[in-house]
Amino acid sequence: MINVRRRATLGLIAGAVGVAAVTGVTINANAAESAAPRAAAVAVGKSDVVDNPSLDIDAALRAAEATLKAAEKGGHRVTVVVLDRSGDVQVQLKGDGAGPQTAESAERKAFTAASFGQPTSALAGRVTGQGATLRDIPGTLFLAGGVPVTVDGQVVGAIGVGGAPSGDLDEQYANAGAATLRGR
């Protein structure tokens, strides 16, 4: 990704090259970049930094594979999504024959579980009523099938499943995947 300073520098260079081409002037392409001020690294104290543990990729893959196997054993075609603590997708496995809607629902269920630190089935009953509710938060889905993954009570990720005939089954499969992470 090009940072703003580099983008501005490249823009200046491109503009200078265009002017040089029209006027016949020769330019040094490195002159604009070397003239740009450089930002110094800033050291911060450890008290200014937070520790944000998250599932590692091996654990996420292991949980996703176990979840998908549990669903296949149950005869269901699902998609499994495992997110890290920040809500970013670490693993997505779409089972053979899983419908096109299953990926989004699995991701949104996992995001909801990671965001609230609770299974989505426990949250579903709390989004009733008129006016603004939890349902209005973008990216969430309050249907059973999302479970958080925790260590010492701290959320480190989440598993979401979409595609079984009921949310209860989706959640059962997500729990099967999460169970493979316990005791290791």
N, C-alpha and C. Protein backbone atom coordinates (compact mmCIF):
# COMPACT_ATOMS: atom_id res chain seq x y z
N MET A 1 0.85 -1.17 0.00
CA MET A 1 0.00 0.00 0.00
C MET A 1 0.90 1.23 0.00
N ILE A 2 0.57 2.21 -0.79
CA ILE A 2 1.37 3.42 -0.88
C ILE A 2 0.87 4.40 0.17
N ASN A 3 1.80 4.90 1.02
CA ASN A 3 1.37 5.86 2.04
C ASN A 3 1.15 7.23 1.41
N VAL A 4 0.60 8.14 2.19
CA VAL A 4 0.21 9.45 1.68
C VAL A 4 1.42 10.24 1.20
N ARG A 5 2.52 10.21 1.97
CA ARG A 5 3.71 10.96 1.59
C ARG A 5 4.25 10.44 0.27
N ARG A 6 4.32 9.11 0.14
CA ARG A 6 4.84 8.52 -1.09
C ARG A 6 3.92 8.86 -2.25
N ARG A 7 2.60 8.81 -2.03
CA ARG A 7 1.65 9.13 -3.08
C ARG A 7 1.82 10.59 -3.53
N ALA A 8 1.99 11.50 -2.56
CA ALA A 8 2.19 12.90 -2.90
C ALA A 8 3.50 13.08 -3.66
N THR A 9 4.54 12.38 -3.22
CA THR A 9 5.83 12.46 -3.90
C THR A 9 5.72 11.94 -5.32
N LEU A 10 5.07 10.80 -5.48
CA LEU A 10 4.90 10.25 -6.82
C LEU A 10 4.08 11.19 -7.70
N GLY A 11 3.10 11.85 -7.10
CA GLY A 11 2.31 12.82 -7.85
C GLY A 11 3.15 13.99 -8.31
N LEU A 12 4.03 14.47 -7.42
CA LEU A 12 4.94 15.56 -7.80
C LEU A 12 5.87 15.13 -8.92
N ILE A 13 6.41 13.92 -8.80
CA ILE A 13 7.32 13.41 -9.82
C ILE A 13 6.60 13.27 -11.16
N ALA A 14 5.39 12.69 -11.11
CA ALA A 14 4.63 12.52 -12.35
C ALA A 14 4.34 13.87 -12.99
N GLY A 15 3.99 14.85 -12.17
CA GLY A 15 3.73 16.19 -12.70
C GLY A 15 4.99 16.80 -13.30
N ALA A 16 6.12 16.63 -12.62
CA ALA A 16 7.39 17.18 -13.11
C ALA A 16 7.80 16.50 -14.41
N VAL A 17 7.57 15.18 -14.50
CA VAL A 17 7.91 14.46 -15.72
C VAL A 17 7.05 14.96 -16.88
N GLY A 18 5.79 15.22 -16.59
CA GLY A 18 4.90 15.74 -17.63
C GLY A 18 5.35 17.11 -18.12
N VAL A 19 5.72 17.99 -17.19
CA VAL A 19 6.21 19.32 -17.56
C VAL A 19 7.51 19.20 -18.32
N ALA A 20 8.40 18.30 -17.86
CA ALA A 20 9.69 18.11 -18.52
C ALA A 20 9.50 17.61 -19.95
N ALA A 21 8.53 16.74 -20.15
CA ALA A 21 8.29 16.20 -21.47
C ALA A 21 7.84 17.29 -22.43
N VAL A 22 7.03 18.20 -21.93
CA VAL A 22 6.51 19.28 -22.77
C VAL A 22 7.60 20.32 -23.04
N THR A 23 8.41 20.62 -22.02
CA THR A 23 9.39 21.70 -22.16
C THR A 23 10.77 21.22 -22.57
N GLY A 24 11.02 19.90 -22.52
CA GLY A 24 12.31 19.36 -22.89
C GLY A 24 13.36 19.47 -21.80
N VAL A 25 12.94 19.72 -20.56
CA VAL A 25 13.88 19.85 -19.44
C VAL A 25 14.16 18.48 -18.86
N THR A 26 15.40 18.25 -18.43
CA THR A 26 15.78 17.00 -17.78
C THR A 26 15.63 17.18 -16.28
N ILE A 27 15.06 16.13 -15.60
CA ILE A 27 14.89 16.23 -14.15
C ILE A 27 15.51 15.02 -13.46
N ASN A 28 15.80 15.18 -12.18
CA ASN A 28 16.30 14.08 -11.34
C ASN A 28 15.09 13.54 -10.59
N ALA A 29 14.67 12.32 -10.89
CA ALA A 29 13.47 11.73 -10.28
C ALA A 29 13.62 11.54 -8.78
N ASN A 30 14.81 11.40 -8.28
CA ASN A 30 15.02 11.20 -6.84
C ASN A 30 15.02 12.52 -6.07
N ALA A 31 15.10 13.64 -6.74
CA ALA A 31 15.19 14.93 -6.06
C ALA A 31 13.95 15.22 -5.22
N ALA A 32 12.76 14.97 -5.75
CA ALA A 32 11.54 15.26 -5.01
C ALA A 32 11.43 14.38 -3.78
N GLU A 33 11.77 13.08 -3.92
CA GLU A 33 11.67 12.18 -2.78
C GLU A 33 12.68 12.53 -1.70
N SER A 34 13.91 12.85 -2.09
CA SER A 34 14.92 13.15 -1.09
C SER A 34 14.64 14.46 -0.39
N ALA A 35 13.88 15.36 -1.01
CA ALA A 35 13.54 16.63 -0.39
C ALA A 35 12.40 16.49 0.61
N ALA A 36 11.64 15.42 0.53
CA ALA A 36 10.52 15.23 1.44
C ALA A 36 11.03 14.92 2.85
N PRO A 37 10.44 15.56 3.87
CA PRO A 37 10.90 15.30 5.25
C PRO A 37 10.55 13.87 5.66
N ARG A 38 11.41 13.28 6.44
CA ARG A 38 11.19 11.91 6.93
C ARG A 38 10.67 11.95 8.36
N ALA A 39 9.69 11.13 8.67
CA ALA A 39 9.16 11.05 10.02
C ALA A 39 10.06 10.15 10.86
N ALA A 40 10.33 10.57 12.06
CA ALA A 40 11.16 9.78 12.97
C ALA A 40 10.28 8.78 13.70
N ALA A 41 10.84 7.64 14.05
CA ALA A 41 10.11 6.65 14.85
C ALA A 41 9.90 7.22 16.24
N VAL A 42 8.75 6.96 16.81
CA VAL A 42 8.43 7.44 18.14
C VAL A 42 8.33 6.24 19.07
N ALA A 43 9.09 6.26 20.14
CA ALA A 43 9.04 5.18 21.13
C ALA A 43 7.94 5.49 22.13
N VAL A 44 7.17 4.48 22.48
CA VAL A 44 6.13 4.63 23.50
C VAL A 44 6.42 3.66 24.63
N GLY A 45 5.85 3.94 25.78
CA GLY A 45 6.03 3.06 26.92
C GLY A 45 5.12 1.85 26.82
N LYS A 46 5.51 0.78 27.50
CA LYS A 46 4.69 -0.43 27.47
C LYS A 46 3.30 -0.19 28.04
N SER A 47 3.16 0.78 28.91
CA SER A 47 1.84 1.07 29.48
C SER A 47 0.90 1.68 28.45
N ASP A 48 1.44 2.12 27.30
CA ASP A 48 0.63 2.70 26.24
C ASP A 48 0.18 1.68 25.20
N VAL A 49 0.51 0.41 25.42
CA VAL A 49 0.22 -0.65 24.46
C VAL A 49 -0.65 -1.70 25.13
N VAL A 50 -1.66 -2.19 24.40
CA VAL A 50 -2.52 -3.23 24.95
C VAL A 50 -2.15 -4.58 24.36
N ASP A 51 -2.36 -5.61 25.13
CA ASP A 51 -2.16 -6.97 24.68
C ASP A 51 -3.51 -7.46 24.17
N ASN A 52 -3.56 -7.91 22.94
CA ASN A 52 -4.83 -8.32 22.32
C ASN A 52 -4.69 -9.73 21.78
N PRO A 53 -4.77 -10.75 22.66
CA PRO A 53 -4.58 -12.12 22.19
C PRO A 53 -5.68 -12.54 21.21
N SER A 54 -5.29 -13.40 20.29
CA SER A 54 -6.21 -13.87 19.27
C SER A 54 -5.84 -15.30 18.90
N LEU A 55 -6.78 -16.00 18.32
CA LEU A 55 -6.50 -17.35 17.83
C LEU A 55 -5.38 -17.31 16.81
N ASP A 56 -4.49 -18.30 16.85
CA ASP A 56 -3.51 -18.36 15.77
C ASP A 56 -4.12 -19.15 14.61
N ILE A 57 -3.47 -19.09 13.46
CA ILE A 57 -4.04 -19.67 12.25
C ILE A 57 -4.19 -21.18 12.35
N ASP A 58 -3.27 -21.85 13.02
CA ASP A 58 -3.38 -23.31 13.16
C ASP A 58 -4.62 -23.69 13.96
N ALA A 59 -4.86 -22.97 15.05
CA ALA A 59 -6.05 -23.24 15.86
C ALA A 59 -7.32 -22.93 15.08
N ALA A 60 -7.31 -21.82 14.35
CA ALA A 60 -8.49 -21.45 13.56
C ALA A 60 -8.80 -22.50 12.50
N LEU A 61 -7.77 -22.97 11.84
CA LEU A 61 -7.96 -23.99 10.80
C LEU A 61 -8.45 -25.31 11.41
N ARG A 62 -7.87 -25.69 12.51
CA ARG A 62 -8.28 -26.92 13.21
C ARG A 62 -9.75 -26.85 13.61
N ALA A 63 -10.16 -25.72 14.18
CA ALA A 63 -11.56 -25.54 14.60
C ALA A 63 -12.50 -25.56 13.39
N ALA A 64 -12.11 -24.89 12.31
CA ALA A 64 -12.95 -24.84 11.11
C ALA A 64 -13.13 -26.24 10.51
N GLU A 65 -12.04 -26.98 10.42
CA GLU A 65 -12.12 -28.33 9.86
C GLU A 65 -12.99 -29.24 10.72
N ALA A 66 -12.86 -29.14 12.04
CA ALA A 66 -13.68 -29.96 12.94
C ALA A 66 -15.16 -29.58 12.83
N THR A 67 -15.42 -28.30 12.68
CA THR A 67 -16.79 -27.83 12.53
C THR A 67 -17.41 -28.38 11.25
N LEU A 68 -16.68 -28.27 10.16
CA LEU A 68 -17.18 -28.75 8.87
C LEU A 68 -17.39 -30.26 8.90
N LYS A 69 -16.48 -31.00 9.52
CA LYS A 69 -16.64 -32.46 9.62
C LYS A 69 -17.87 -32.83 10.43
N ALA A 70 -18.13 -32.10 11.51
CA ALA A 70 -19.32 -32.38 12.32
C ALA A 70 -20.59 -32.16 11.50
N ALA A 71 -20.62 -31.10 10.71
CA ALA A 71 -21.80 -30.82 9.88
C ALA A 71 -21.96 -31.88 8.80
N GLU A 72 -20.85 -32.28 8.17
CA GLU A 72 -20.92 -33.31 7.14
C GLU A 72 -21.40 -34.63 7.74
N LYS A 73 -20.93 -34.95 8.94
CA LYS A 73 -21.38 -36.17 9.62
C LYS A 73 -22.88 -36.11 9.90
N GLY A 74 -23.38 -34.90 10.19
CA GLY A 74 -24.81 -34.70 10.42
C GLY A 74 -25.61 -34.62 9.13
N GLY A 75 -24.91 -34.67 7.98
CA GLY A 75 -25.60 -34.65 6.69
C GLY A 75 -25.97 -33.25 6.21
N HIS A 76 -25.28 -32.22 6.73
CA HIS A 76 -25.62 -30.86 6.36
C HIS A 76 -24.49 -30.17 5.60
N ARG A 77 -24.91 -29.34 4.66
CA ARG A 77 -23.97 -28.60 3.82
C ARG A 77 -23.90 -27.17 4.35
N VAL A 78 -22.77 -26.85 4.94
CA VAL A 78 -22.64 -25.56 5.60
C VAL A 78 -21.35 -24.84 5.19
N THR A 79 -21.28 -23.59 5.57
CA THR A 79 -20.05 -22.82 5.50
C THR A 79 -19.66 -22.48 6.92
N VAL A 80 -18.36 -22.56 7.19
CA VAL A 80 -17.80 -22.26 8.51
C VAL A 80 -16.87 -21.06 8.36
N VAL A 81 -17.00 -20.11 9.26
CA VAL A 81 -16.10 -18.97 9.30
C VAL A 81 -15.52 -18.85 10.70
N VAL A 82 -14.20 -18.72 10.78
CA VAL A 82 -13.53 -18.47 12.06
C VAL A 82 -12.89 -17.09 11.96
N LEU A 83 -13.22 -16.26 12.95
CA LEU A 83 -12.69 -14.90 13.01
C LEU A 83 -11.67 -14.78 14.13
N ASP A 84 -10.77 -13.82 13.99
CA ASP A 84 -9.88 -13.50 15.10
C ASP A 84 -10.58 -12.52 16.03
N ARG A 85 -9.91 -12.07 17.06
CA ARG A 85 -10.51 -11.20 18.06
C ARG A 85 -11.00 -9.89 17.47
N SER A 86 -10.36 -9.43 16.43
CA SER A 86 -10.73 -8.16 15.82
C SER A 86 -11.88 -8.28 14.83
N GLY A 87 -12.38 -9.49 14.63
CA GLY A 87 -13.49 -9.68 13.70
C GLY A 87 -13.05 -9.90 12.27
N ASP A 88 -11.77 -10.15 12.06
CA ASP A 88 -11.26 -10.42 10.71
C ASP A 88 -11.30 -11.91 10.43
N VAL A 89 -11.65 -12.28 9.20
CA VAL A 89 -11.74 -13.68 8.82
C VAL A 89 -10.34 -14.30 8.81
N GLN A 90 -10.18 -15.39 9.55
CA GLN A 90 -8.95 -16.17 9.51
C GLN A 90 -9.11 -17.37 8.59
N VAL A 91 -10.28 -18.01 8.68
CA VAL A 91 -10.55 -19.20 7.87
C VAL A 91 -12.01 -19.18 7.45
N GLN A 92 -12.25 -19.53 6.19
CA GLN A 92 -13.60 -19.75 5.71
C GLN A 92 -13.57 -21.04 4.91
N LEU A 93 -14.38 -22.00 5.32
CA LEU A 93 -14.50 -23.27 4.60
C LEU A 93 -15.95 -23.43 4.15
N LYS A 94 -16.14 -23.51 2.86
CA LYS A 94 -17.48 -23.71 2.33
C LYS A 94 -17.58 -25.17 1.92
N GLY A 95 -18.47 -25.89 2.61
CA GLY A 95 -18.65 -27.30 2.32
C GLY A 95 -19.24 -27.53 0.94
N ASP A 96 -18.97 -28.70 0.40
CA ASP A 96 -19.53 -29.07 -0.90
C ASP A 96 -21.05 -28.93 -0.87
N GLY A 97 -21.58 -28.19 -1.81
CA GLY A 97 -23.03 -28.04 -1.93
C GLY A 97 -23.65 -27.00 -1.02
N ALA A 98 -22.84 -26.28 -0.22
CA ALA A 98 -23.40 -25.24 0.65
C ALA A 98 -23.93 -24.10 -0.21
N GLY A 99 -25.05 -23.54 0.19
CA GLY A 99 -25.70 -22.48 -0.57
C GLY A 99 -24.91 -21.18 -0.56
N PRO A 100 -25.20 -20.30 -1.52
CA PRO A 100 -24.46 -19.04 -1.63
C PRO A 100 -24.66 -18.10 -0.44
N GLN A 101 -25.76 -18.21 0.25
CA GLN A 101 -26.04 -17.33 1.39
C GLN A 101 -25.31 -17.76 2.65
N THR A 102 -24.77 -18.96 2.67
CA THR A 102 -24.20 -19.51 3.91
C THR A 102 -22.92 -18.80 4.35
N ALA A 103 -22.14 -18.31 3.41
CA ALA A 103 -20.88 -17.65 3.78
C ALA A 103 -21.14 -16.36 4.54
N GLU A 104 -22.04 -15.54 4.04
CA GLU A 104 -22.32 -14.28 4.72
C GLU A 104 -22.97 -14.51 6.08
N SER A 105 -23.91 -15.45 6.15
CA SER A 105 -24.55 -15.67 7.45
C SER A 105 -23.55 -16.23 8.47
N ALA A 106 -22.66 -17.12 8.04
CA ALA A 106 -21.66 -17.66 8.96
C ALA A 106 -20.74 -16.55 9.46
N GLU A 107 -20.30 -15.68 8.56
CA GLU A 107 -19.40 -14.59 8.96
C GLU A 107 -20.10 -13.63 9.92
N ARG A 108 -21.33 -13.28 9.61
CA ARG A 108 -22.05 -12.34 10.48
C ARG A 108 -22.37 -12.95 11.84
N LYS A 109 -22.65 -14.23 11.88
CA LYS A 109 -22.87 -14.89 13.18
C LYS A 109 -21.58 -14.90 14.00
N ALA A 110 -20.47 -15.22 13.36
CA ALA A 110 -19.18 -15.21 14.07
C ALA A 110 -18.85 -13.80 14.55
N PHE A 111 -19.08 -12.80 13.72
CA PHE A 111 -18.81 -11.41 14.08
C PHE A 111 -19.64 -11.00 15.29
N THR A 112 -20.90 -11.40 15.31
CA THR A 112 -21.79 -11.06 16.42
C THR A 112 -21.30 -11.73 17.70
N ALA A 113 -20.93 -13.01 17.61
CA ALA A 113 -20.44 -13.72 18.79
C ALA A 113 -19.14 -13.11 19.31
N ALA A 114 -18.24 -12.75 18.42
CA ALA A 114 -16.98 -12.13 18.84
C ALA A 114 -17.22 -10.74 19.44
N SER A 115 -18.12 -10.00 18.87
CA SER A 115 -18.39 -8.64 19.33
C SER A 115 -19.02 -8.60 20.72
N PHE A 116 -19.93 -9.53 20.98
CA PHE A 116 -20.65 -9.51 22.24
C PHE A 116 -20.16 -10.55 23.25
N GLY A 117 -19.26 -11.44 22.81
CA GLY A 117 -18.70 -12.43 23.72
C GLY A 117 -19.69 -13.46 24.21
N GLN A 118 -20.73 -13.68 23.43
CA GLN A 118 -21.77 -14.66 23.79
C GLN A 118 -22.22 -15.40 22.55
N PRO A 119 -22.76 -16.61 22.74
CA PRO A 119 -23.34 -17.30 21.58
C PRO A 119 -24.50 -16.48 21.02
N THR A 120 -24.65 -16.51 19.73
CA THR A 120 -25.72 -15.72 19.11
C THR A 120 -27.10 -16.19 19.54
N SER A 121 -27.23 -17.44 19.93
CA SER A 121 -28.53 -17.92 20.40
C SER A 121 -28.93 -17.21 21.69
N ALA A 122 -27.96 -16.86 22.53
CA ALA A 122 -28.26 -16.16 23.78
C ALA A 122 -28.63 -14.71 23.52
N LEU A 123 -28.14 -14.15 22.42
CA LEU A 123 -28.40 -12.75 22.10
C LEU A 123 -29.71 -12.55 21.35
N ALA A 124 -30.19 -13.59 20.67
CA ALA A 124 -31.35 -13.46 19.79
C ALA A 124 -32.58 -12.91 20.51
N GLY A 125 -32.80 -13.32 21.74
CA GLY A 125 -33.98 -12.87 22.47
C GLY A 125 -33.89 -11.44 22.98
N ARG A 126 -32.71 -10.85 22.91
CA ARG A 126 -32.53 -9.49 23.44
C ARG A 126 -32.69 -8.41 22.39
N VAL A 127 -33.09 -8.75 21.20
CA VAL A 127 -33.19 -7.76 20.14
C VAL A 127 -34.63 -7.51 19.72
N THR A 128 -35.54 -7.68 20.63
CA THR A 128 -36.95 -7.43 20.33
C THR A 128 -37.30 -6.01 20.75
N GLY A 129 -38.43 -5.55 20.29
CA GLY A 129 -38.90 -4.24 20.67
C GLY A 129 -38.88 -3.27 19.52
N GLN A 130 -39.40 -2.09 19.79
CA GLN A 130 -39.47 -1.07 18.77
C GLN A 130 -38.31 -0.10 18.93
N GLY A 131 -38.05 0.64 17.90
CA GLY A 131 -36.96 1.60 17.93
C GLY A 131 -35.64 0.91 17.65
N ALA A 132 -34.57 1.59 17.96
CA ALA A 132 -33.24 1.06 17.70
C ALA A 132 -32.96 -0.14 18.61
N THR A 133 -32.38 -1.18 18.02
CA THR A 133 -32.01 -2.37 18.78
C THR A 133 -30.62 -2.81 18.34
N LEU A 134 -30.14 -3.86 18.96
CA LEU A 134 -28.85 -4.42 18.59
C LEU A 134 -28.83 -4.82 17.12
N ARG A 135 -29.97 -5.15 16.57
CA ARG A 135 -30.06 -5.55 15.15
C ARG A 135 -29.58 -4.44 14.20
N ASP A 136 -29.57 -3.22 14.68
CA ASP A 136 -29.17 -2.09 13.84
C ASP A 136 -27.66 -1.96 13.69
N ILE A 137 -26.89 -2.74 14.43
CA ILE A 137 -25.44 -2.67 14.33
C ILE A 137 -25.01 -3.40 13.05
N PRO A 138 -24.31 -2.70 12.16
CA PRO A 138 -23.91 -3.30 10.88
C PRO A 138 -23.05 -4.56 11.07
N GLY A 139 -23.30 -5.56 10.23
CA GLY A 139 -22.50 -6.78 10.22
C GLY A 139 -22.94 -7.84 11.20
N THR A 140 -23.95 -7.56 12.01
CA THR A 140 -24.39 -8.54 13.00
C THR A 140 -25.55 -9.38 12.46
N LEU A 141 -25.70 -10.56 13.06
CA LEU A 141 -26.82 -11.43 12.74
C LEU A 141 -27.18 -12.20 14.00
N PHE A 142 -28.38 -11.97 14.47
CA PHE A 142 -28.81 -12.55 15.74
C PHE A 142 -29.64 -13.81 15.53
N LEU A 143 -29.02 -14.78 14.88
CA LEU A 143 -29.58 -16.11 14.72
C LEU A 143 -28.58 -17.09 15.33
N ALA A 144 -29.06 -18.16 15.89
CA ALA A 144 -28.16 -19.15 16.49
C ALA A 144 -27.19 -19.67 15.44
N GLY A 145 -25.96 -19.95 15.89
CA GLY A 145 -24.96 -20.50 14.99
C GLY A 145 -23.60 -19.84 15.12
N GLY A 146 -23.48 -18.84 16.01
CA GLY A 146 -22.20 -18.19 16.25
C GLY A 146 -21.80 -18.39 17.70
N VAL A 147 -20.55 -18.80 17.92
CA VAL A 147 -20.06 -18.99 19.30
C VAL A 147 -18.71 -18.29 19.46
N PRO A 148 -18.52 -17.62 20.59
CA PRO A 148 -17.22 -17.01 20.84
C PRO A 148 -16.23 -18.08 21.30
N VAL A 149 -14.95 -17.83 21.07
CA VAL A 149 -13.88 -18.68 21.59
C VAL A 149 -13.17 -17.83 22.62
N THR A 150 -13.05 -18.35 23.84
CA THR A 150 -12.47 -17.57 24.93
C THR A 150 -11.30 -18.29 25.58
N VAL A 151 -10.42 -17.51 26.18
CA VAL A 151 -9.34 -18.01 27.02
C VAL A 151 -9.38 -17.19 28.30
N ASP A 152 -9.55 -17.87 29.42
CA ASP A 152 -9.65 -17.19 30.71
C ASP A 152 -10.69 -16.08 30.70
N GLY A 153 -11.81 -16.33 30.05
CA GLY A 153 -12.90 -15.38 29.99
C GLY A 153 -12.74 -14.26 28.98
N GLN A 154 -11.63 -14.23 28.26
CA GLN A 154 -11.38 -13.20 27.25
C GLN A 154 -11.62 -13.76 25.86
N VAL A 155 -12.41 -13.05 25.06
CA VAL A 155 -12.70 -13.48 23.70
C VAL A 155 -11.43 -13.37 22.85
N VAL A 156 -11.08 -14.48 22.18
CA VAL A 156 -9.91 -14.50 21.30
C VAL A 156 -10.30 -14.82 19.86
N GLY A 157 -11.58 -15.03 19.61
CA GLY A 157 -12.06 -15.34 18.28
C GLY A 157 -13.50 -15.80 18.33
N ALA A 158 -14.00 -16.29 17.21
CA ALA A 158 -15.37 -16.79 17.15
C ALA A 158 -15.53 -17.70 15.94
N ILE A 159 -16.51 -18.59 16.05
CA ILE A 159 -16.84 -19.51 14.97
C ILE A 159 -18.30 -19.29 14.60
N GLY A 160 -18.55 -19.16 13.31
CA GLY A 160 -19.91 -19.02 12.81
C GLY A 160 -20.20 -20.09 11.77
N VAL A 161 -21.42 -20.58 11.80
CA VAL A 161 -21.85 -21.62 10.86
C VAL A 161 -23.17 -21.19 10.23
N GLY A 162 -23.27 -21.37 8.93
CA GLY A 162 -24.51 -21.09 8.23
C GLY A 162 -24.82 -22.20 7.26
N GLY A 163 -26.10 -22.60 7.20
CA GLY A 163 -26.50 -23.56 6.19
C GLY A 163 -27.27 -24.78 6.66
N ALA A 164 -27.17 -25.12 7.96
CA ALA A 164 -27.95 -26.25 8.45
C ALA A 164 -29.43 -25.83 8.49
N PRO A 165 -30.34 -26.79 8.58
CA PRO A 165 -31.77 -26.42 8.56
C PRO A 165 -32.23 -25.57 9.74
N SER A 166 -31.43 -25.50 10.82
CA SER A 166 -31.81 -24.65 11.95
C SER A 166 -30.56 -24.05 12.59
N GLY A 167 -30.76 -22.93 13.24
CA GLY A 167 -29.66 -22.29 13.96
C GLY A 167 -29.12 -23.16 15.07
N ASP A 168 -30.01 -23.95 15.68
CA ASP A 168 -29.56 -24.85 16.75
C ASP A 168 -28.52 -25.84 16.24
N LEU A 169 -28.74 -26.35 15.04
CA LEU A 169 -27.75 -27.26 14.44
C LEU A 169 -26.47 -26.52 14.07
N ASP A 170 -26.61 -25.32 13.51
CA ASP A 170 -25.43 -24.51 13.21
C ASP A 170 -24.59 -24.31 14.47
N GLU A 171 -25.25 -23.98 15.56
CA GLU A 171 -24.54 -23.76 16.82
C GLU A 171 -23.92 -25.05 17.37
N GLN A 172 -24.62 -26.14 17.21
CA GLN A 172 -24.08 -27.44 17.63
C GLN A 172 -22.76 -27.72 16.90
N TYR A 173 -22.73 -27.45 15.61
CA TYR A 173 -21.52 -27.69 14.83
C TYR A 173 -20.41 -26.70 15.21
N ALA A 174 -20.77 -25.44 15.44
CA ALA A 174 -19.77 -24.46 15.87
C ALA A 174 -19.17 -24.86 17.22
N ASN A 175 -19.99 -25.36 18.11
CA ASN A 175 -19.49 -25.82 19.42
C ASN A 175 -18.58 -27.03 19.26
N ALA A 176 -18.87 -27.90 18.30
CA ALA A 176 -18.00 -29.05 18.06
C ALA A 176 -16.61 -28.58 17.62
N GLY A 177 -16.57 -27.55 16.79
CA GLY A 177 -15.28 -27.00 16.38
C GLY A 177 -14.55 -26.34 17.53
N ALA A 178 -15.28 -25.59 18.34
CA ALA A 178 -14.67 -24.92 19.48
C ALA A 178 -14.13 -25.94 20.49
N ALA A 179 -14.82 -27.07 20.62
CA ALA A 179 -14.39 -28.09 21.58
C ALA A 179 -13.01 -28.67 21.23
N THR A 180 -12.64 -28.61 19.97
CA THR A 180 -11.31 -29.14 19.59
C THR A 180 -10.19 -28.25 20.11
N LEU A 181 -10.51 -27.04 20.51
CA LEU A 181 -9.50 -26.10 21.01
C LEU A 181 -9.30 -26.21 22.51
N ARG A 182 -10.19 -26.86 23.20
CA ARG A 182 -10.09 -26.97 24.65
C ARG A 182 -9.03 -27.98 25.07
N GLY A 183 -8.33 -27.62 26.11
CA GLY A 183 -7.39 -28.56 26.71
C GLY A 183 -6.10 -28.75 25.96
N ARG A 184 -5.77 -27.89 25.05
CA ARG A 184 -4.51 -28.02 24.31
C ARG A 184 -3.48 -27.10 24.89
